[in-house]
Amino acid sequence: MTSMAKGPGKRAHTSCPADANALFDTKEQSSALSSDIATALPGSDEKVLDFPRVEVTPEESARRVMVEATRLASLAPGEWRLWIDRSAERLRIPRATLQDLIVASIKNSEKMARDAEIAARRQELAVRREQERKQREQERIDKRTEHKRKEKEKAFESLISLPNEQQESRLGELAKQLDEDVAVIRDHFTAFVGMQSWAASTDSWNVEPWPDPVETQALLHKISAKIRKYVVLRPEAVTATALWTMTAWAHEGATHSPILAAISVEPDSGKSTLLGVLRFLVPKPFVSVEPTGPSVYRTVDREHPTLIIDEADDLFCRKSDLRAIVNAGWSRGTRIPRQGRWYDPFCPKILGILGKTKLPRTIASRSIILKMWPKKPDEKAEDFAYADDPEFSTIRRKLARWAADNVRIIKDLKPPQPLDFNNRLNSNWKLLLQIAQHAGGAWPEQACRSAIYLSRAPYEPSVGVQLLAALRAMFTKNRTEITSEQVVQELVADPDSPWHEYCYRGPITKNQVAALLRDYDIRPVVVHPTKRADFSRHGYRAAQFEDAFARFLPHEPNIRTLKSGREKM
C-alpha cells in the first residue's frame, strides 16, 4: 500500500513497510517497478518515490544465517545439499561458509544425542547398581534372619523339657541376647513347640497311596459311613462334610478354600467328636485349641496342613491377627508380610465353635456352616476313641490315590450352580459341586440340595438388609409407592420388632430409614399417594428397589414396579 504526500503543486507516494528489501529480492526489481509506475502516469506531475532501503544490522544478518543453517541441518541426511546454494544466494554469504555452519550444527546435534544416550545409560546403570545393592542388603538381612532363627530353634530345643517357670526366665534371657521383644520370642517358642508336637504326632501320616484306581462315588459312601458311625448329623451336613473332606485332598486344584465350621448352640452336641473324626480323614492335620498368629502362618506356610481349631468361640475377637490370617487363607495367592518375608496362609481349615458367641461375618461368609445339636434318645452313635484305626488308614490311602488321579479332571468340570447363589457362595461350593458331578449318581442332586440348605442365612443379615426385606413385604401388598410416614408406621407397628426400639433410642424415624437406604443408593422422592398434585409427600417407589432386591434378597416375583409413565429412581 502507498499513501499520498501533498506538497505545493505536487503529490508524492510514500511507502510504509519497515523493510522494503523484504518485499523484493533485488534492488533492480524495485527500480523496474518504480519505472513501470512512472511510465503508467504520462503527462502527470506526480513523482514516484523509491522505497527507502532498510539496512540489516550485522547481528540480525548473523542470526538469520544461523537460523537457516540450523533449519537445513535438521533435514534428512544429505538433503541440505539440495537447498544450500539457494539459501547462500538469498543470504548473500559464501556457500562454503553456510556449509561449514550446517556441518557444525549437525555435529553438535549428534554430540548432544550421544551425550543424552550416555546419560541414559549411566542412569540405567545407577538404577541397576542400586537394585543390586538392595538385593545384596536383603540377602544379608535374610541370612541374619535365618541365622537368628536357627539360634532360636537351637535354644528352643533345650527349653522344651524345662518347667514353665524356667522357660519364662530363659526366654527373657534369649530376648535380651537377640535384642528382640520377649513377647515375640514367646510367640516363636509357642509356634516351635506346636511344630514339634505336630511333627511327632504325624509321623504316621506319610500316606502311601492305594495301589488301584478309586471310584469317587464309592469313596464318598465310605467317608459318609465313617462320619455317621460316630456323629449324628443331618443328611445335608453329612453330604457336605464328605465332599469337603475330598476337597481337602484335592486342594491343589482349588482357587478358594471354604472353611468347614461346626457350630453348636450348646455343649455335648458332637462338635469336638466331628473334628476328631475329620482329623483322621484329612491330609496332614494340624490341631490347635489356642493358636497364635505366628504359630499359624509359620506352620501353614511351611507345611500346608489341614488347620483344625477347636473351641474357637471368642478366639477371633481376642486375636484379630488370627482372624485376618484365616480370612486371607480363603483365596489362593494371598500373602501375609511378617518380619521381612511373605507367608502363604492358603490351606484347608476346620473350625469348632460354641454358638454362644457369633461367628465373625467375614469368616461366616467364607464358611460352610454345620449347625450341630445334641442327640435325641432314639439316635445312636458309637463312642469315638480319638485314635487311628485300619479303616481310617484305608480311607486316607484311597483319598491320596483318588486325588492323584482326579484333581486335574475335576477342576475343569462346570456343574450347574444353585439358583440365586452369589459370587461368594459359588466360590465356597464350586469344588464340592465339581466332585459331586464327577461322582455321578445321586450325588450332584444331593450336593445341590445340601448347598441350598446349609447356605440359608448362615449369619444374621445387616440392619440394611433387614430393612430391605421389610420394604419388600410392604411393596408386595399391591403397592407401587409408599410415603416415608407409612414406612415408619408399618415398621413400628409390631412392638416386638427391632424397629420399635431402634439403636435403644426409641422407634426408628424417617431420617434413620433414609440414612440406611442411602447405602444402597436409594433416596426419598416426591410421591402422590392421594392422587392430588397439591398434596405431595416424600416416600419411595417400588422401581427404586428392583436392583437392591435382586442383589441382596432372594428372588420375589410378586413385587409390582412402575414400568412406564413415571421416572424410575
Protein backbone atom coordinates (compact mmCIF):
# COMPACT_ATOMS: atom_id res chain seq x y z
CA MET A 1 0.00 0.00 0.00
CA THR A 2 1.08 3.61 -0.58
CA SER A 3 -0.05 6.95 0.73
CA MET A 4 -0.09 10.38 -0.98
CA ALA A 5 2.04 13.22 0.46
CA LYS A 6 0.66 16.62 -0.64
CA GLY A 7 3.04 19.48 -1.42
CA PRO A 8 2.79 22.73 -3.32
CA GLY A 9 1.56 21.59 -6.70
CA LYS A 10 2.87 18.05 -6.23
CA ARG A 11 1.69 14.74 -4.76
CA ALA A 12 4.12 12.10 -3.63
CA HIS A 13 3.68 8.36 -2.96
CA THR A 14 5.44 7.10 0.20
CA SER A 15 5.96 3.57 1.48
CA CYS A 16 5.06 2.26 4.94
CA PRO A 17 6.76 -1.18 5.22
CA ALA A 18 9.54 -1.25 7.75
CA ASP A 19 11.82 -3.26 5.45
CA ALA A 20 11.38 -2.79 1.72
CA ASN A 21 14.03 -5.38 0.96
CA ALA A 22 11.69 -7.94 2.50
CA LEU A 23 9.30 -7.38 -0.45
CA PHE A 24 11.88 -7.53 -3.27
CA ASP A 25 14.76 -9.85 -3.78
CA THR A 26 16.97 -7.31 -5.51
CA LYS A 27 17.30 -3.60 -5.93
CA GLU A 28 16.87 -3.99 -9.70
CA GLN A 29 13.35 -5.41 -9.18
CA SER A 30 12.42 -2.37 -7.06
CA SER A 31 13.78 0.09 -9.68
CA ALA A 32 12.00 -1.65 -12.51
CA LEU A 33 8.71 -1.49 -10.66
CA SER A 34 9.19 2.26 -9.99
CA SER A 35 9.96 2.82 -13.65
CA ASP A 36 6.82 0.97 -14.68
CA ILE A 37 4.71 3.05 -12.39
CA ALA A 38 6.21 6.29 -13.70
CA THR A 39 5.55 5.17 -17.24
CA ALA A 40 1.97 4.39 -16.38
CA LEU A 41 1.38 8.03 -15.47
CA PRO A 42 2.31 10.05 -18.63
CA GLY A 43 1.91 13.80 -18.52
CA SER A 44 1.41 13.69 -14.79
CA ASP A 45 3.37 15.87 -12.47
CA GLU A 46 3.28 13.15 -9.88
CA LYS A 47 6.63 11.62 -8.94
CA VAL A 48 7.02 8.06 -7.80
CA LEU A 49 9.49 7.71 -4.92
CA ASP A 50 11.62 4.64 -4.39
CA PHE A 51 11.09 2.64 -1.20
CA PRO A 52 13.67 3.56 1.34
CA ARG A 53 16.32 0.87 1.69
CA VAL A 54 16.47 -0.53 5.25
CA GLU A 55 19.86 -1.71 6.32
CA VAL A 56 20.09 -5.07 8.13
CA THR A 57 22.38 -4.99 11.12
CA PRO A 58 25.30 -7.45 11.24
CA GLU A 59 23.77 -9.08 14.31
CA GLU A 60 20.43 -9.68 12.57
CA SER A 61 22.21 -10.95 9.45
CA ALA A 62 24.24 -13.39 11.55
CA ARG A 63 21.09 -14.55 13.34
CA ARG A 64 19.33 -15.21 10.03
CA VAL A 65 22.29 -17.18 8.77
CA MET A 66 22.34 -19.36 11.95
CA VAL A 67 18.59 -19.94 11.78
CA GLU A 68 18.86 -21.08 8.16
CA ALA A 69 21.90 -23.27 8.92
CA THR A 70 20.02 -24.90 11.80
CA ARG A 71 16.96 -25.48 9.61
CA LEU A 72 18.99 -27.07 6.83
CA ALA A 73 20.89 -29.22 9.35
CA SER A 74 17.60 -30.63 10.66
CA LEU A 75 16.65 -32.02 7.24
CA ALA A 76 17.13 -35.65 6.26
CA PRO A 77 20.81 -36.62 5.89
CA GLY A 78 22.21 -35.05 2.72
CA GLU A 79 19.01 -33.23 1.83
CA TRP A 80 20.50 -29.88 2.85
CA ARG A 81 22.84 -30.07 -0.17
CA LEU A 82 19.83 -29.56 -2.47
CA TRP A 83 18.97 -26.22 -0.85
CA ILE A 84 22.30 -24.75 0.24
CA ASP A 85 23.01 -22.84 -2.99
CA ARG A 86 19.68 -21.05 -2.99
CA SER A 87 19.95 -20.24 0.73
CA ALA A 88 23.53 -18.93 0.37
CA GLU A 89 22.46 -16.72 -2.51
CA ARG A 90 19.46 -15.36 -0.64
CA LEU A 91 21.53 -14.65 2.49
CA ARG A 92 24.40 -13.20 0.38
CA ILE A 93 27.05 -15.34 2.07
CA PRO A 94 29.61 -17.74 0.55
CA ARG A 95 28.37 -21.28 0.07
CA ALA A 96 31.38 -22.67 1.93
CA THR A 97 30.57 -20.53 4.97
CA LEU A 98 26.97 -21.79 5.12
CA GLN A 99 28.15 -25.37 4.57
CA ASP A 100 30.60 -25.10 7.49
CA LEU A 101 27.81 -23.83 9.73
CA ILE A 102 25.49 -26.68 8.65
CA VAL A 103 28.13 -29.33 9.25
CA ALA A 104 28.95 -27.83 12.64
CA SER A 105 25.23 -27.84 13.59
CA ILE A 106 24.88 -31.48 12.50
CA LYS A 107 27.93 -32.47 14.53
CA ASN A 108 26.59 -30.57 17.55
CA SER A 109 23.22 -32.36 17.28
CA GLU A 110 24.94 -35.74 17.01
CA LYS A 111 27.07 -34.92 20.03
CA MET A 112 24.01 -33.94 22.05
CA ALA A 113 22.29 -37.21 21.07
CA ARG A 114 25.39 -39.18 22.12
CA ASP A 115 25.55 -37.30 25.40
CA ALA A 116 21.86 -37.99 26.07
CA GLU A 117 22.35 -41.70 25.32
CA ILE A 118 25.37 -41.84 27.61
CA ALA A 119 23.41 -40.09 30.37
CA ALA A 120 20.54 -42.57 29.95
CA ARG A 121 22.95 -45.50 30.13
CA ARG A 122 24.55 -44.05 33.24
CA GLN A 123 21.13 -43.60 34.82
CA GLU A 124 20.18 -47.17 33.91
CA LEU A 125 23.47 -48.43 35.32
CA ALA A 126 22.92 -46.45 38.53
CA VAL A 127 19.43 -47.90 38.90
CA ARG A 128 20.74 -51.43 38.30
CA ARG A 129 23.54 -50.95 40.82
CA GLU A 130 21.02 -49.63 43.37
CA GLN A 131 18.80 -52.64 42.81
CA GLU A 132 21.77 -54.97 43.17
CA ARG A 133 22.78 -53.16 46.34
CA LYS A 134 19.28 -53.54 47.78
CA GLN A 135 19.24 -57.20 46.77
CA ARG A 136 22.59 -57.80 48.48
CA GLU A 137 21.33 -55.97 51.55
CA GLN A 138 18.15 -58.07 51.55
CA GLU A 139 20.23 -61.23 51.20
CA ARG A 140 22.33 -60.15 54.17
CA ILE A 141 19.14 -59.47 56.14
CA ASP A 142 17.75 -62.86 55.15
CA LYS A 143 20.97 -64.57 56.17
CA ARG A 144 20.97 -62.79 59.52
CA THR A 145 17.30 -63.67 59.98
CA GLU A 146 17.93 -67.30 59.11
CA HIS A 147 20.95 -67.42 61.40
CA LYS A 148 18.91 -65.89 64.19
CA ARG A 149 16.10 -68.37 63.53
CA LYS A 150 18.48 -71.30 63.79
CA GLU A 151 19.90 -69.89 67.02
CA LYS A 152 16.39 -69.53 68.41
CA GLU A 153 15.37 -73.03 67.39
CA LYS A 154 18.53 -74.44 68.94
CA ALA A 155 17.76 -72.60 72.16
CA PHE A 156 14.10 -73.66 71.97
CA GLU A 157 15.10 -77.33 71.74
CA SER A 158 16.86 -77.02 75.08
CA LEU A 159 13.84 -75.25 76.62
CA ILE A 160 11.12 -77.76 75.71
CA SER A 161 11.94 -80.14 78.55
CA LEU A 162 12.23 -77.40 81.19
CA PRO A 163 9.43 -76.42 83.61
CA ASN A 164 7.28 -73.46 82.64
CA GLU A 165 8.82 -71.02 85.12
CA GLN A 166 12.33 -71.81 83.91
CA GLN A 167 11.16 -71.48 80.32
CA GLU A 168 9.92 -67.94 81.01
CA SER A 169 13.21 -66.82 82.55
CA ARG A 170 15.25 -68.39 79.76
CA LEU A 171 13.02 -66.82 77.12
CA GLY A 172 13.65 -63.42 78.72
CA GLU A 173 17.41 -64.01 78.58
CA LEU A 174 17.16 -65.13 74.96
CA ALA A 175 15.17 -61.99 74.05
CA LYS A 176 17.92 -59.77 75.53
CA GLN A 177 20.61 -61.78 73.76
CA LEU A 178 18.90 -61.46 70.37
CA ASP A 179 17.68 -57.89 71.04
CA GLU A 180 14.03 -58.81 70.41
CA ASP A 181 10.82 -58.27 72.29
CA VAL A 182 10.14 -61.05 74.79
CA ALA A 183 6.53 -61.34 73.58
CA VAL A 184 7.77 -62.05 70.04
CA ILE A 185 10.21 -64.66 71.35
CA ARG A 186 7.41 -66.26 73.35
CA ASP A 187 5.20 -66.46 70.26
CA HIS A 188 8.01 -68.03 68.25
CA PHE A 189 8.59 -70.55 71.02
CA THR A 190 4.86 -71.42 71.03
CA ALA A 191 4.96 -71.94 67.28
CA PHE A 192 8.10 -74.09 67.60
CA VAL A 193 6.52 -76.25 70.28
CA GLY A 194 3.42 -76.64 68.12
CA MET A 195 5.51 -77.70 65.12
CA GLN A 196 7.46 -80.21 67.20
CA SER A 197 4.32 -81.73 68.68
CA TRP A 198 2.65 -81.79 65.27
CA ALA A 199 5.64 -83.48 63.66
CA ALA A 200 5.77 -86.02 66.48
CA SER A 201 2.06 -86.78 66.15
CA THR A 202 2.07 -87.06 62.36
CA ASP A 203 5.00 -89.37 61.75
CA SER A 204 2.46 -91.96 60.63
CA TRP A 205 0.73 -89.51 58.28
CA ASN A 206 3.05 -90.13 55.36
CA VAL A 207 0.21 -91.69 53.43
CA GLU A 208 1.06 -94.32 50.85
CA PRO A 209 -1.47 -94.09 48.02
CA TRP A 210 -3.78 -97.00 47.36
CA PRO A 211 -2.36 -99.24 44.62
CA ASP A 212 -5.54 -99.38 42.48
CA PRO A 213 -7.71 -96.60 41.00
CA VAL A 214 -10.52 -95.47 43.30
CA GLU A 215 -14.10 -94.73 42.27
CA THR A 216 -15.31 -91.33 43.51
CA GLN A 217 -18.85 -92.41 44.39
CA ALA A 218 -17.74 -95.47 46.38
CA LEU A 219 -15.18 -93.40 48.30
CA LEU A 220 -17.79 -90.77 49.20
CA HIS A 221 -20.03 -93.52 50.59
CA LYS A 222 -17.19 -94.84 52.77
CA ILE A 223 -16.40 -91.36 54.14
CA SER A 224 -20.08 -90.68 54.87
CA ALA A 225 -20.48 -94.01 56.65
CA LYS A 226 -17.40 -93.37 58.79
CA ILE A 227 -18.72 -89.96 59.85
CA ARG A 228 -22.21 -91.26 60.64
CA LYS A 229 -20.69 -94.04 62.72
CA TYR A 230 -19.59 -91.56 65.40
CA VAL A 231 -21.56 -88.34 64.80
CA VAL A 232 -25.26 -87.58 64.38
CA LEU A 233 -25.76 -85.04 61.58
CA ARG A 234 -28.49 -84.05 59.19
CA PRO A 235 -28.15 -85.74 55.76
CA GLU A 236 -27.26 -82.38 54.16
CA ALA A 237 -24.42 -81.90 56.65
CA VAL A 238 -23.09 -85.43 56.08
CA THR A 239 -23.06 -84.84 52.33
CA ALA A 240 -21.26 -81.52 52.67
CA THR A 241 -18.71 -82.93 55.14
CA ALA A 242 -17.87 -85.90 52.92
CA LEU A 243 -17.46 -83.65 49.86
CA TRP A 244 -15.40 -81.13 51.87
CA THR A 245 -13.10 -83.95 53.06
CA MET A 246 -12.33 -84.78 49.44
CA THR A 247 -11.70 -81.10 48.64
CA ALA A 248 -9.02 -81.08 51.34
CA TRP A 249 -7.15 -83.78 49.38
CA ALA A 250 -7.84 -82.02 46.06
CA HIS A 251 -6.79 -78.65 47.46
CA GLU A 252 -4.12 -78.07 44.83
CA GLY A 253 -6.92 -77.66 42.30
CA ALA A 254 -8.83 -75.10 44.39
CA THR A 255 -8.94 -71.36 43.79
CA HIS A 256 -10.86 -70.73 47.02
CA SER A 257 -10.71 -72.73 50.24
CA PRO A 258 -14.06 -72.75 52.07
CA ILE A 259 -13.83 -73.12 55.85
CA LEU A 260 -15.76 -76.02 57.37
CA ALA A 261 -17.29 -74.52 60.53
CA ALA A 262 -19.04 -76.82 63.03
CA ILE A 263 -21.23 -74.70 65.34
CA SER A 264 -23.18 -75.95 68.33
CA VAL A 265 -25.55 -73.83 70.38
CA GLU A 266 -24.99 -75.95 73.49
CA PRO A 267 -22.18 -78.25 74.65
CA ASP A 268 -22.33 -82.01 74.08
CA SER A 269 -23.57 -81.64 70.52
CA GLY A 270 -20.83 -83.73 68.87
CA LYS A 271 -18.77 -80.80 67.59
CA SER A 272 -15.45 -81.97 69.07
CA THR A 273 -16.20 -85.53 68.03
CA LEU A 274 -16.70 -84.45 64.42
CA LEU A 275 -13.39 -82.58 64.44
CA GLY A 276 -11.73 -85.64 65.95
CA VAL A 277 -13.09 -87.91 63.23
CA LEU A 278 -12.04 -85.48 60.49
CA ARG A 279 -8.57 -85.35 61.99
CA PHE A 280 -8.05 -88.93 60.78
CA LEU A 281 -9.60 -88.31 57.35
CA VAL A 282 -7.92 -85.10 56.14
CA PRO A 283 -4.33 -84.68 54.92
CA LYS A 284 -1.71 -83.53 57.46
CA PRO A 285 -3.99 -82.29 60.26
CA PHE A 286 -2.58 -79.52 62.47
CA VAL A 287 -4.77 -79.42 65.58
CA SER A 288 -4.70 -76.44 67.94
CA VAL A 289 -7.01 -75.11 70.64
CA GLU A 290 -5.40 -71.72 71.36
CA PRO A 291 -3.17 -70.91 68.39
CA THR A 292 -1.33 -67.63 67.90
CA GLY A 293 -0.96 -65.73 64.66
CA PRO A 294 2.77 -66.53 64.28
CA SER A 295 2.24 -70.23 65.01
CA VAL A 296 -0.44 -70.41 62.32
CA TYR A 297 1.21 -68.53 59.47
CA ARG A 298 4.60 -70.14 60.02
CA THR A 299 3.15 -73.67 60.19
CA VAL A 300 0.77 -73.22 57.28
CA ASP A 301 3.43 -71.62 55.07
CA ARG A 302 5.89 -74.39 55.78
CA GLU A 303 3.69 -77.49 55.76
CA HIS A 304 0.34 -76.52 54.14
CA PRO A 305 -1.56 -78.78 56.55
CA THR A 306 -5.27 -79.01 57.27
CA LEU A 307 -5.68 -76.46 60.06
CA ILE A 308 -8.12 -77.63 62.77
CA ILE A 309 -9.04 -75.14 65.52
CA ASP A 310 -11.41 -76.44 68.19
CA GLU A 311 -13.08 -74.37 70.89
CA ALA A 312 -12.53 -71.21 68.84
CA ASP A 313 -15.51 -69.39 70.45
CA ASP A 314 -14.25 -65.85 71.09
CA LEU A 315 -10.77 -66.59 69.74
CA PHE A 316 -11.21 -64.37 66.69
CA CYS A 317 -12.37 -61.46 68.84
CA ARG A 318 -9.34 -61.73 71.10
CA LYS A 319 -6.81 -62.34 68.33
CA SER A 320 -7.53 -60.15 65.36
CA ASP A 321 -4.32 -61.24 63.63
CA LEU A 322 -5.56 -64.84 63.63
CA ARG A 323 -8.89 -63.74 62.13
CA ALA A 324 -7.03 -61.86 59.39
CA ILE A 325 -4.92 -64.94 58.60
CA VAL A 326 -7.97 -67.22 58.39
CA ASN A 327 -9.73 -64.71 56.12
CA ALA A 328 -6.68 -64.26 53.91
CA GLY A 329 -6.32 -68.04 53.59
CA TRP A 330 -9.62 -68.25 51.72
CA SER A 331 -8.09 -67.19 48.36
CA ARG A 332 -5.13 -68.74 46.63
CA GLY A 333 -2.25 -66.34 46.01
CA THR A 334 -2.81 -64.09 49.04
CA ARG A 335 0.38 -63.48 51.03
CA ILE A 336 0.91 -62.17 54.56
CA PRO A 337 4.00 -59.99 55.25
CA ARG A 338 5.75 -60.74 58.54
CA GLN A 339 9.27 -59.74 59.61
CA GLY A 340 10.74 -59.18 56.18
CA ARG A 341 9.18 -62.13 54.36
CA TRP A 342 5.85 -63.23 52.90
CA TYR A 343 3.83 -66.17 54.20
CA ASP A 344 1.21 -68.23 52.34
CA PRO A 345 -1.88 -68.96 54.54
CA PHE A 346 -3.76 -70.97 51.88
CA CYS A 347 -4.78 -74.35 53.31
CA PRO A 348 -7.91 -76.35 54.28
CA LYS A 349 -9.39 -75.13 57.58
CA ILE A 350 -11.86 -76.63 60.07
CA LEU A 351 -13.30 -74.62 62.98
CA GLY A 352 -15.21 -75.79 66.02
CA ILE A 353 -17.26 -73.01 67.63
CA LEU A 354 -19.65 -72.97 70.55
CA GLY A 355 -22.61 -70.93 69.31
CA LYS A 356 -22.80 -68.69 72.38
CA THR A 357 -20.55 -66.28 70.54
CA LYS A 358 -21.24 -65.10 67.00
CA LEU A 359 -19.03 -66.18 64.17
CA PRO A 360 -17.48 -63.06 62.58
CA ARG A 361 -19.33 -62.13 59.37
CA THR A 362 -16.11 -62.14 57.33
CA ILE A 363 -15.39 -65.73 58.37
CA ALA A 364 -19.03 -66.85 58.16
CA SER A 365 -19.28 -65.69 54.54
CA ARG A 366 -16.21 -67.82 53.73
CA SER A 367 -17.54 -70.90 55.52
CA ILE A 368 -19.71 -73.93 55.00
CA ILE A 369 -21.54 -73.93 58.33
CA LEU A 370 -22.75 -77.12 60.03
CA LYS A 371 -25.20 -76.48 62.86
CA MET A 372 -24.98 -79.33 65.36
CA TRP A 373 -27.47 -80.42 68.02
CA PRO A 374 -27.44 -82.94 70.90
CA LYS A 375 -28.59 -86.44 70.01
CA LYS A 376 -32.17 -87.48 70.60
CA PRO A 377 -32.74 -90.64 72.68
CA ASP A 378 -33.51 -92.69 69.57
CA GLU A 379 -30.38 -91.53 67.71
CA LYS A 380 -27.40 -93.81 68.14
CA ALA A 381 -23.69 -93.28 67.53
CA GLU A 382 -20.63 -95.20 68.67
CA ASP A 383 -18.23 -93.68 71.16
CA PHE A 384 -15.18 -92.30 69.43
CA ALA A 385 -11.80 -93.29 70.91
CA TYR A 386 -9.89 -90.41 69.22
CA ALA A 387 -7.45 -92.93 67.81
CA ASP A 388 -6.43 -94.11 64.37
CA ASP A 389 -7.58 -97.48 63.05
CA PRO A 390 -7.12 -99.59 59.89
CA GLU A 391 -10.35 -98.28 58.36
CA PHE A 392 -9.21 -94.67 58.72
CA SER A 393 -5.86 -95.64 57.21
CA THR A 394 -7.51 -97.34 54.23
CA ILE A 395 -9.73 -94.34 53.52
CA ARG A 396 -6.73 -91.98 53.68
CA ARG A 397 -4.76 -94.15 51.25
CA LYS A 398 -7.67 -94.25 48.85
CA LEU A 399 -8.12 -90.48 49.15
CA ALA A 400 -4.44 -89.97 48.31
CA ARG A 401 -4.74 -92.16 45.21
CA TRP A 402 -8.04 -90.56 44.21
CA ALA A 403 -6.56 -87.06 44.43
CA ALA A 404 -3.51 -88.02 42.35
CA ASP A 405 -5.76 -89.43 39.59
CA ASN A 406 -8.63 -86.94 39.52
CA VAL A 407 -7.64 -83.40 40.57
CA ARG A 408 -6.84 -82.22 37.05
CA ILE A 409 -10.06 -83.69 35.70
CA ILE A 410 -12.31 -82.29 38.43
CA LYS A 411 -11.11 -78.69 38.33
CA ASP A 412 -12.20 -78.37 34.68
CA LEU A 413 -15.78 -79.52 35.32
CA LYS A 414 -18.58 -76.93 35.22
CA PRO A 415 -21.53 -78.18 37.29
CA PRO A 416 -24.77 -76.15 37.42
CA GLN A 417 -24.93 -73.72 40.33
CA PRO A 418 -27.95 -73.45 42.65
CA LEU A 419 -30.31 -70.58 41.86
CA ASP A 420 -29.53 -67.19 43.44
CA PHE A 421 -26.05 -68.20 44.62
CA ASN A 422 -23.89 -65.08 44.69
CA ASN A 423 -20.17 -64.91 43.96
CA ARG A 424 -19.03 -65.88 47.47
CA LEU A 425 -21.41 -68.86 47.69
CA ASN A 426 -20.37 -70.03 44.23
CA SER A 427 -16.72 -69.89 45.27
CA ASN A 428 -17.38 -71.78 48.52
CA TRP A 429 -19.26 -74.62 46.85
CA LYS A 430 -17.56 -74.78 43.46
CA LEU A 431 -15.08 -77.59 44.17
CA LEU A 432 -17.62 -79.58 46.23
CA LEU A 433 -20.13 -79.46 43.37
CA GLN A 434 -17.41 -80.42 40.88
CA ILE A 435 -16.57 -83.50 42.95
CA ALA A 436 -20.27 -84.41 43.21
CA GLN A 437 -20.66 -84.11 39.43
CA HIS A 438 -17.60 -86.32 38.95
CA ALA A 439 -19.09 -88.90 41.34
CA GLY A 440 -22.34 -89.04 39.41
CA GLY A 441 -25.40 -90.96 40.53
CA ALA A 442 -27.44 -89.14 43.15
CA TRP A 443 -24.51 -87.07 44.38
CA PRO A 444 -25.00 -83.98 42.16
CA GLU A 445 -28.59 -83.61 43.35
CA GLN A 446 -27.64 -84.27 46.99
CA ALA A 447 -24.79 -81.76 46.81
CA CYS A 448 -27.04 -79.07 45.33
CA ARG A 449 -29.68 -79.71 47.99
CA SER A 450 -27.03 -79.53 50.74
CA ALA A 451 -25.63 -76.29 49.33
CA ILE A 452 -29.04 -74.65 49.36
CA TYR A 453 -29.96 -75.91 52.82
CA LEU A 454 -26.65 -75.07 54.54
CA SER A 455 -26.38 -71.64 52.89
CA ARG A 456 -29.64 -70.32 54.34
CA ALA A 457 -28.79 -67.19 56.38
CA PRO A 458 -25.54 -68.51 57.89
CA TYR A 459 -25.22 -65.25 59.80
CA GLU A 460 -27.63 -62.51 60.87
CA PRO A 461 -28.16 -60.08 58.00
CA SER A 462 -27.19 -56.45 58.40
CA VAL A 463 -29.72 -53.85 59.52
CA GLY A 464 -29.86 -52.51 55.98
CA VAL A 465 -30.73 -55.92 54.52
CA GLN A 466 -33.40 -56.39 57.22
CA LEU A 467 -34.91 -53.03 56.21
CA LEU A 468 -34.91 -54.07 52.54
CA ALA A 469 -36.75 -57.27 53.48
CA ALA A 470 -39.36 -55.28 55.40
CA LEU A 471 -39.86 -52.89 52.48
CA ARG A 472 -40.19 -55.76 50.05
CA ALA A 473 -43.02 -57.12 52.18
CA MET A 474 -44.70 -53.70 52.05
CA PHE A 475 -44.46 -53.49 48.27
CA THR A 476 -45.97 -56.94 47.80
CA LYS A 477 -49.26 -55.53 49.16
CA ASN A 478 -50.37 -54.25 45.74
CA ARG A 479 -48.36 -51.03 46.06
CA THR A 480 -46.18 -49.14 43.65
CA GLU A 481 -45.20 -46.33 46.02
CA ILE A 482 -45.29 -45.56 49.73
CA THR A 483 -44.69 -42.43 51.82
CA SER A 484 -41.95 -42.17 54.41
CA GLU A 485 -44.58 -41.78 57.13
CA GLN A 486 -46.25 -45.02 56.09
CA VAL A 487 -42.91 -46.84 56.08
CA VAL A 488 -42.25 -45.81 59.68
CA GLN A 489 -45.79 -46.64 60.78
CA GLU A 490 -45.62 -50.15 59.40
CA LEU A 491 -42.11 -50.78 60.72
CA VAL A 492 -43.03 -49.88 64.32
CA ALA A 493 -46.50 -51.46 64.23
CA ASP A 494 -45.12 -54.62 65.83
CA PRO A 495 -43.92 -53.78 69.38
CA ASP A 496 -41.54 -56.77 69.26
CA SER A 497 -39.82 -55.69 66.03
CA PRO A 498 -36.26 -54.29 66.14
CA TRP A 499 -37.62 -51.06 64.61
CA HIS A 500 -39.77 -50.33 67.67
CA GLU A 501 -36.61 -49.77 69.75
CA TYR A 502 -34.03 -48.86 67.15
CA CYS A 503 -30.49 -48.49 68.49
CA TYR A 504 -32.00 -48.32 72.01
CA ARG A 505 -33.28 -44.80 71.27
CA GLY A 506 -36.96 -45.35 70.58
CA PRO A 507 -38.84 -46.01 67.33
CA ILE A 508 -36.98 -45.62 64.05
CA THR A 509 -37.50 -42.28 62.28
CA LYS A 510 -37.88 -41.23 58.63
CA ASN A 511 -34.37 -39.80 58.65
CA GLN A 512 -32.92 -43.05 60.00
CA VAL A 513 -34.73 -45.04 57.31
CA ALA A 514 -33.38 -42.68 54.66
CA ALA A 515 -29.85 -42.98 56.10
CA LEU A 516 -29.96 -46.79 55.93
CA LEU A 517 -31.29 -46.81 52.37
CA ARG A 518 -28.71 -44.28 51.24
CA ASP A 519 -26.08 -47.05 51.43
CA TYR A 520 -27.97 -48.79 48.61
CA ASP A 521 -28.24 -45.60 46.51
CA ILE A 522 -31.93 -45.27 47.34
CA ARG A 523 -33.22 -41.82 48.32
CA PRO A 524 -36.69 -40.39 49.07
CA VAL A 525 -38.62 -38.94 46.13
CA VAL A 526 -41.87 -36.99 45.78
CA VAL A 527 -44.89 -39.31 45.61
CA HIS A 528 -48.65 -38.65 45.26
CA PRO A 529 -50.39 -41.44 47.11
CA THR A 530 -53.65 -39.45 47.27
CA LYS A 531 -53.60 -38.60 43.53
CA ARG A 532 -53.65 -34.90 44.49
CA ALA A 533 -50.94 -32.84 42.84
CA ASP A 534 -51.26 -30.19 45.57
CA PHE A 535 -50.65 -32.74 48.31
CA SER A 536 -47.16 -34.11 47.68
CA ARG A 537 -45.15 -36.10 50.16
CA HIS A 538 -41.78 -37.77 50.14
CA GLY A 539 -41.50 -41.51 50.03
CA TYR A 540 -40.30 -44.38 47.85
CA ARG A 541 -41.33 -46.09 44.63
CA ALA A 542 -41.10 -49.83 44.08
CA ALA A 543 -38.99 -49.29 40.97
CA GLN A 544 -36.22 -47.80 43.10
CA PHE A 545 -35.71 -51.16 44.85
CA GLU A 546 -35.55 -53.51 41.88
CA ASP A 547 -31.75 -53.66 41.81
CA ALA A 548 -31.31 -53.85 45.60
CA PHE A 549 -33.95 -56.57 45.98
CA ALA A 550 -32.32 -58.63 43.22
CA ARG A 551 -28.85 -58.29 44.73
CA PHE A 552 -29.46 -58.58 48.47
CA LEU A 553 -32.68 -60.60 48.84
CA PRO A 554 -33.99 -63.87 47.37
CA HIS A 555 -35.92 -63.56 44.15
CA GLU A 556 -39.51 -62.40 44.69
CA PRO A 557 -41.62 -62.14 41.50
CA ASN A 558 -44.69 -60.58 43.14
CA ILE A 559 -43.32 -57.06 43.65
CA ARG A 560 -45.12 -54.57 41.48
CA THR A 561 -42.99 -51.92 39.81
CA LEU A 562 -43.70 -48.94 37.61
CA LYS A 563 -42.80 -49.87 34.04
CA SER A 564 -43.73 -46.61 32.33
CA GLY A 565 -45.23 -43.18 32.84
CA ARG A 566 -43.11 -42.42 35.89
CA GLU A 567 -39.45 -41.92 36.45
CA LYS A 568 -37.54 -44.83 37.92
CA MET A 569 -35.22 -43.56 40.55
